[in-house]
């Protein structure tokens, strides 16, 4: 049955540029392990930076003598934080998109640097 012309044509069509045999496993691993871990690590790093900035702001506000200046600084921080979170969610979405699309691509062989030709020498 595998030697039938239809199967041979399908085998040729599917073998050029198609994902490897382990494609379903790679997608599963990417969907349920690699992608969530990468997104989680990215968000954790962002949250760590935001917490450090918040602690720094609270330390600065504790030293602030003018209450209106403290409120305006806190409002500015909250606005900056909201913008940072929206930017972070866009970065996480791009990361997830890249991870999901990379799982559907066939694995490419590693790029090999071309070997430089030997210099021309004259025999005297």
N, C-alpha and C. Protein backbone atom coordinates (compact mmCIF):
# COMPACT_ATOMS: atom_id res chain seq x y z
N UNK A 1 0.82 -1.18 0.00
CA UNK A 1 0.00 0.00 0.00
C UNK A 1 0.87 1.26 0.00
N UNK A 2 2.04 1.24 0.66
CA UNK A 2 2.90 2.40 0.70
C UNK A 2 3.58 2.67 -0.63
N UNK A 3 3.60 1.70 -1.53
CA UNK A 3 4.25 1.92 -2.81
C UNK A 3 3.29 2.50 -3.86
N UNK A 4 2.08 2.77 -3.50
CA UNK A 4 1.12 3.36 -4.41
C UNK A 4 1.57 4.80 -4.74
N UNK A 5 1.33 5.26 -5.94
CA UNK A 5 1.79 6.55 -6.41
C UNK A 5 1.23 7.71 -5.57
N UNK A 6 0.00 7.56 -5.08
CA UNK A 6 -0.60 8.62 -4.26
C UNK A 6 0.18 8.78 -2.97
N UNK A 7 0.50 7.65 -2.33
CA UNK A 7 1.24 7.73 -1.06
C UNK A 7 2.66 8.26 -1.27
N UNK A 8 3.26 7.87 -2.40
CA UNK A 8 4.60 8.39 -2.68
C UNK A 8 4.56 9.90 -2.90
N UNK A 9 3.55 10.38 -3.60
CA UNK A 9 3.41 11.83 -3.81
C UNK A 9 3.16 12.57 -2.51
N UNK A 10 2.31 11.99 -1.65
CA UNK A 10 2.06 12.61 -0.35
C UNK A 10 3.32 12.61 0.50
N UNK A 11 4.07 11.53 0.45
CA UNK A 11 5.29 11.44 1.23
C UNK A 11 6.29 12.50 0.78
N UNK A 12 6.40 12.70 -0.55
CA UNK A 12 7.30 13.73 -1.06
C UNK A 12 6.81 15.12 -0.69
N UNK A 13 5.51 15.35 -0.78
CA UNK A 13 4.97 16.67 -0.48
C UNK A 13 5.12 17.01 1.01
N UNK A 14 4.93 16.01 1.85
CA UNK A 14 5.01 16.26 3.29
C UNK A 14 6.44 16.29 3.80
N UNK A 15 7.37 15.70 3.07
CA UNK A 15 8.74 15.64 3.58
C UNK A 15 9.53 16.91 3.32
N UNK A 16 9.13 17.72 2.36
CA UNK A 16 9.89 18.94 2.07
C UNK A 16 9.34 20.09 2.89
N UNK A 17 10.11 20.54 3.83
CA UNK A 17 9.72 21.68 4.64
C UNK A 17 8.67 21.41 5.67
N UNK A 18 8.37 20.16 5.94
CA UNK A 18 7.36 19.86 6.94
C UNK A 18 8.02 19.69 8.30
N UNK A 19 7.26 19.79 9.36
CA UNK A 19 7.83 19.62 10.69
C UNK A 19 8.37 18.21 10.88
N UNK A 20 9.28 18.04 11.84
CA UNK A 20 9.84 16.72 12.08
C UNK A 20 8.80 15.76 12.64
N UNK A 21 9.18 14.50 12.75
CA UNK A 21 8.25 13.47 13.22
C UNK A 21 7.78 13.77 14.65
N UNK A 22 8.63 14.35 15.46
CA UNK A 22 8.30 14.63 16.85
C UNK A 22 7.52 15.93 17.01
N UNK A 23 6.96 16.46 15.93
CA UNK A 23 6.27 17.74 15.98
C UNK A 23 5.17 17.81 17.03
N UNK A 24 4.27 16.81 17.13
CA UNK A 24 3.23 16.92 18.16
C UNK A 24 3.80 17.00 19.57
N UNK A 25 4.89 16.30 19.82
CA UNK A 25 5.50 16.33 21.15
C UNK A 25 6.17 17.68 21.41
N UNK A 26 6.77 18.24 20.37
CA UNK A 26 7.40 19.55 20.51
C UNK A 26 6.35 20.62 20.79
N UNK A 27 5.22 20.53 20.12
CA UNK A 27 4.14 21.50 20.36
C UNK A 27 3.60 21.34 21.77
N UNK A 28 3.38 20.11 22.19
CA UNK A 28 2.87 19.88 23.55
C UNK A 28 3.85 20.43 24.58
N UNK A 29 5.13 20.12 24.41
CA UNK A 29 6.16 20.61 25.34
C UNK A 29 6.19 22.13 25.35
N UNK A 30 6.08 22.73 24.18
CA UNK A 30 6.12 24.18 24.08
C UNK A 30 4.88 24.82 24.69
N UNK A 31 3.69 24.24 24.43
CA UNK A 31 2.45 24.81 24.94
C UNK A 31 2.34 24.72 26.46
N UNK A 32 2.73 23.58 27.01
CA UNK A 32 2.45 23.33 28.42
C UNK A 32 3.66 23.38 29.33
N UNK A 33 4.86 23.60 28.78
CA UNK A 33 6.03 23.66 29.64
C UNK A 33 6.88 24.90 29.33
N UNK A 34 7.44 24.95 28.14
CA UNK A 34 8.39 26.02 27.81
C UNK A 34 7.74 27.41 27.79
N UNK A 35 6.62 27.53 27.11
CA UNK A 35 5.98 28.83 26.97
C UNK A 35 5.49 29.38 28.32
N UNK A 36 4.77 28.59 29.13
CA UNK A 36 4.36 29.13 30.45
C UNK A 36 5.54 29.46 31.35
N UNK A 37 6.60 28.66 31.29
CA UNK A 37 7.76 28.94 32.13
C UNK A 37 8.46 30.23 31.68
N UNK A 38 8.58 30.44 30.39
CA UNK A 38 9.22 31.66 29.88
C UNK A 38 8.39 32.89 30.23
N UNK A 39 7.07 32.79 30.05
CA UNK A 39 6.20 33.92 30.39
C UNK A 39 6.24 34.21 31.89
N UNK A 40 6.23 33.17 32.69
CA UNK A 40 6.28 33.33 34.15
C UNK A 40 7.58 33.98 34.59
N UNK A 41 8.70 33.53 34.03
CA UNK A 41 9.98 34.10 34.40
C UNK A 41 10.06 35.57 33.98
N UNK A 42 9.52 35.88 32.81
CA UNK A 42 9.53 37.27 32.32
C UNK A 42 8.71 38.17 33.26
N UNK A 43 7.53 37.71 33.65
CA UNK A 43 6.67 38.50 34.53
C UNK A 43 7.28 38.61 35.92
N UNK A 44 7.91 37.54 36.41
CA UNK A 44 8.53 37.60 37.73
C UNK A 44 9.66 38.63 37.76
N UNK A 45 10.45 38.69 36.71
CA UNK A 45 11.52 39.70 36.66
C UNK A 45 10.93 41.10 36.66
N UNK A 46 9.86 41.29 35.91
CA UNK A 46 9.22 42.59 35.87
C UNK A 46 8.65 42.97 37.23
N UNK A 47 7.99 42.04 37.88
CA UNK A 47 7.40 42.30 39.20
C UNK A 47 8.50 42.64 40.21
N UNK A 48 9.62 41.94 40.13
CA UNK A 48 10.74 42.24 41.02
C UNK A 48 11.23 43.67 40.84
N UNK A 49 11.36 44.10 39.59
CA UNK A 49 11.79 45.49 39.33
C UNK A 49 10.76 46.49 39.84
N UNK A 50 9.47 46.20 39.61
CA UNK A 50 8.42 47.10 40.07
C UNK A 50 8.40 47.19 41.60
N UNK A 51 8.62 46.08 42.27
CA UNK A 51 8.65 46.09 43.73
C UNK A 51 9.81 46.92 44.25
N UNK A 52 10.97 46.79 43.61
CA UNK A 52 12.12 47.60 44.02
C UNK A 52 11.84 49.09 43.83
N UNK A 53 11.21 49.44 42.72
CA UNK A 53 10.87 50.84 42.49
C UNK A 53 9.86 51.34 43.51
N UNK A 54 8.88 50.49 43.86
CA UNK A 54 7.88 50.88 44.85
C UNK A 54 8.51 51.08 46.23
N UNK A 55 9.43 50.20 46.60
CA UNK A 55 10.11 50.34 47.89
C UNK A 55 10.95 51.61 47.90
N UNK A 56 11.63 51.89 46.81
CA UNK A 56 12.42 53.12 46.72
C UNK A 56 11.52 54.35 46.85
N UNK A 57 10.37 54.31 46.18
CA UNK A 57 9.44 55.43 46.27
C UNK A 57 8.93 55.60 47.70
N UNK A 58 8.58 54.51 48.36
CA UNK A 58 8.09 54.61 49.73
C UNK A 58 9.15 55.16 50.67
N UNK A 59 10.40 54.76 50.45
CA UNK A 59 11.49 55.33 51.25
C UNK A 59 11.63 56.83 51.00
N UNK A 60 11.51 57.24 49.76
CA UNK A 60 11.60 58.66 49.44
C UNK A 60 10.41 59.44 50.00
N UNK A 61 9.22 58.83 49.95
CA UNK A 61 8.03 59.50 50.46
C UNK A 61 8.07 59.64 51.98
N UNK A 62 8.73 58.71 52.66
CA UNK A 62 8.85 58.81 54.12
C UNK A 62 9.67 60.04 54.51
N UNK A 63 10.55 60.47 53.65
CA UNK A 63 11.40 61.64 53.93
C UNK A 63 10.77 62.94 53.44
N UNK A 64 9.70 62.83 52.67
CA UNK A 64 9.06 64.00 52.06
C UNK A 64 8.35 64.83 53.12
N UNK A 65 8.60 66.15 53.11
CA UNK A 65 7.99 67.06 54.09
C UNK A 65 6.66 67.63 53.58
N UNK A 66 6.55 67.79 52.28
CA UNK A 66 5.36 68.41 51.69
C UNK A 66 4.36 67.31 51.31
N UNK A 67 3.16 67.30 51.95
CA UNK A 67 2.19 66.23 51.64
C UNK A 67 1.68 66.26 50.20
N UNK A 68 1.51 67.45 49.64
CA UNK A 68 1.01 67.51 48.26
C UNK A 68 2.04 66.97 47.28
N UNK A 69 3.32 67.19 47.55
CA UNK A 69 4.37 66.65 46.69
C UNK A 69 4.41 65.12 46.79
N UNK A 70 4.14 64.60 47.98
CA UNK A 70 4.13 63.14 48.16
C UNK A 70 2.98 62.52 47.37
N UNK A 71 1.83 63.16 47.42
CA UNK A 71 0.67 62.64 46.68
C UNK A 71 0.93 62.70 45.18
N UNK A 72 1.50 63.79 44.71
CA UNK A 72 1.75 63.90 43.26
C UNK A 72 2.82 62.90 42.81
N UNK A 73 3.83 62.65 43.66
CA UNK A 73 4.84 61.65 43.29
C UNK A 73 4.24 60.24 43.25
N UNK A 74 3.36 59.96 44.22
CA UNK A 74 2.70 58.64 44.23
C UNK A 74 1.79 58.48 43.01
N UNK A 75 1.07 59.54 42.65
CA UNK A 75 0.21 59.49 41.46
C UNK A 75 1.04 59.29 40.20
N UNK A 76 2.17 59.96 40.12
CA UNK A 76 3.04 59.79 38.94
C UNK A 76 3.59 58.36 38.88
N UNK A 77 3.93 57.81 40.04
CA UNK A 77 4.43 56.44 40.05
C UNK A 77 3.34 55.46 39.61
N UNK A 78 2.13 55.66 40.10
CA UNK A 78 1.02 54.77 39.71
C UNK A 78 0.75 54.86 38.21
N UNK A 79 0.82 56.05 37.66
CA UNK A 79 0.63 56.20 36.21
C UNK A 79 1.74 55.49 35.45
N UNK A 80 2.98 55.69 35.88
CA UNK A 80 4.11 55.03 35.23
C UNK A 80 3.99 53.51 35.36
N UNK A 81 3.54 53.05 36.51
CA UNK A 81 3.41 51.62 36.74
C UNK A 81 2.33 51.01 35.84
N UNK A 82 1.22 51.72 35.68
CA UNK A 82 0.16 51.23 34.80
C UNK A 82 0.65 51.13 33.36
N UNK A 83 1.40 52.14 32.92
CA UNK A 83 1.95 52.09 31.56
C UNK A 83 2.97 50.96 31.43
N UNK A 84 3.76 50.76 32.47
CA UNK A 84 4.76 49.68 32.43
C UNK A 84 4.08 48.32 32.37
N UNK A 85 2.98 48.16 33.10
CA UNK A 85 2.27 46.88 33.06
C UNK A 85 1.68 46.62 31.67
N UNK A 86 1.15 47.65 31.04
CA UNK A 86 0.60 47.44 29.70
C UNK A 86 1.70 47.07 28.72
N UNK A 87 2.84 47.72 28.85
CA UNK A 87 3.99 47.36 28.00
C UNK A 87 4.48 45.96 28.29
N UNK A 88 4.47 45.58 29.55
CA UNK A 88 4.90 44.22 29.91
C UNK A 88 3.97 43.17 29.33
N UNK A 89 2.67 43.43 29.35
CA UNK A 89 1.73 42.46 28.79
C UNK A 89 1.92 42.32 27.29
N UNK A 90 2.29 43.40 26.61
CA UNK A 90 2.60 43.31 25.19
C UNK A 90 3.86 42.48 24.96
N UNK A 91 4.86 42.66 25.81
CA UNK A 91 6.08 41.85 25.69
C UNK A 91 5.80 40.38 25.94
N UNK A 92 4.96 40.08 26.93
CA UNK A 92 4.62 38.68 27.20
C UNK A 92 3.84 38.10 26.03
N UNK A 93 2.93 38.88 25.46
CA UNK A 93 2.18 38.39 24.29
C UNK A 93 3.12 38.10 23.12
N UNK A 94 4.11 38.97 22.90
CA UNK A 94 5.08 38.72 21.82
C UNK A 94 5.91 37.48 22.12
N UNK A 95 6.29 37.31 23.38
CA UNK A 95 7.06 36.13 23.77
C UNK A 95 6.27 34.86 23.53
N UNK A 96 5.00 34.86 23.93
CA UNK A 96 4.15 33.69 23.74
C UNK A 96 3.95 33.42 22.25
N UNK A 97 3.72 34.47 21.48
CA UNK A 97 3.54 34.30 20.04
C UNK A 97 4.80 33.71 19.41
N UNK A 98 5.95 34.22 19.79
CA UNK A 98 7.20 33.70 19.24
C UNK A 98 7.39 32.24 19.61
N UNK A 99 7.12 31.89 20.88
CA UNK A 99 7.28 30.50 21.32
C UNK A 99 6.32 29.57 20.60
N UNK A 100 5.08 30.01 20.44
CA UNK A 100 4.10 29.14 19.80
C UNK A 100 4.40 28.97 18.32
N UNK A 101 4.85 30.03 17.66
CA UNK A 101 5.16 29.91 16.25
C UNK A 101 6.44 29.12 16.01
N UNK A 102 7.38 29.19 16.94
CA UNK A 102 8.62 28.44 16.76
C UNK A 102 8.39 26.95 16.90
N UNK A 103 7.35 26.54 17.63
CA UNK A 103 7.08 25.11 17.78
C UNK A 103 6.53 24.50 16.51
N UNK A 104 5.92 25.32 15.66
CA UNK A 104 5.34 24.78 14.43
C UNK A 104 6.31 24.80 13.26
N UNK A 105 7.50 25.38 13.46
CA UNK A 105 8.48 25.44 12.39
C UNK A 105 9.39 24.21 12.45
N UNK A 106 9.81 23.77 11.31
CA UNK A 106 10.76 22.66 11.25
C UNK A 106 12.08 23.12 11.83
N UNK A 107 12.76 22.21 12.49
CA UNK A 107 14.03 22.58 13.09
C UNK A 107 15.05 22.83 11.99
N UNK A 108 15.73 23.94 12.13
CA UNK A 108 16.74 24.32 11.15
C UNK A 108 18.10 23.82 11.63
N UNK A 109 18.95 23.39 10.71
CA UNK A 109 20.29 23.00 11.13
C UNK A 109 21.04 24.22 11.65
N UNK A 110 21.95 24.03 12.58
CA UNK A 110 22.69 25.18 13.10
C UNK A 110 23.50 25.84 12.00
N UNK A 111 23.60 27.14 12.11
CA UNK A 111 24.31 27.92 11.10
C UNK A 111 25.80 27.67 11.24
N UNK A 112 26.42 27.31 10.15
CA UNK A 112 27.87 27.05 10.15
C UNK A 112 28.57 28.23 9.49
N UNK A 113 29.59 28.70 10.14
CA UNK A 113 30.38 29.80 9.57
C UNK A 113 31.17 29.29 8.38
N UNK A 114 31.19 30.03 7.29
CA UNK A 114 31.97 29.59 6.14
C UNK A 114 33.47 29.63 6.45
N UNK A 115 34.15 28.69 5.90
CA UNK A 115 35.59 28.61 6.12
C UNK A 115 36.26 29.52 5.10
N UNK A 116 37.16 30.36 5.58
CA UNK A 116 37.86 31.28 4.69
C UNK A 116 38.84 30.49 3.82
N UNK A 117 38.95 30.84 2.54
CA UNK A 117 39.90 30.14 1.68
C UNK A 117 41.33 30.49 2.09
N UNK A 118 42.21 29.59 1.80
CA UNK A 118 43.62 29.83 2.12
C UNK A 118 44.13 30.94 1.22
N UNK A 119 44.99 31.80 1.73
CA UNK A 119 45.51 32.91 0.92
C UNK A 119 46.36 32.38 -0.23
N UNK A 120 46.34 33.11 -1.32
CA UNK A 120 47.11 32.73 -2.49
C UNK A 120 48.57 33.04 -2.25
N UNK A 121 49.41 32.07 -2.52
CA UNK A 121 50.85 32.29 -2.36
C UNK A 121 51.54 31.96 -3.68
N UNK A 122 52.58 32.72 -3.95
CA UNK A 122 53.37 32.48 -5.17
C UNK A 122 54.59 31.68 -4.82
N UNK A 123 54.85 30.74 -5.65
CA UNK A 123 56.10 29.99 -5.47
C UNK A 123 57.18 30.68 -6.27
N UNK A 124 58.29 30.98 -5.64
CA UNK A 124 59.36 31.66 -6.35
C UNK A 124 60.35 30.71 -6.94
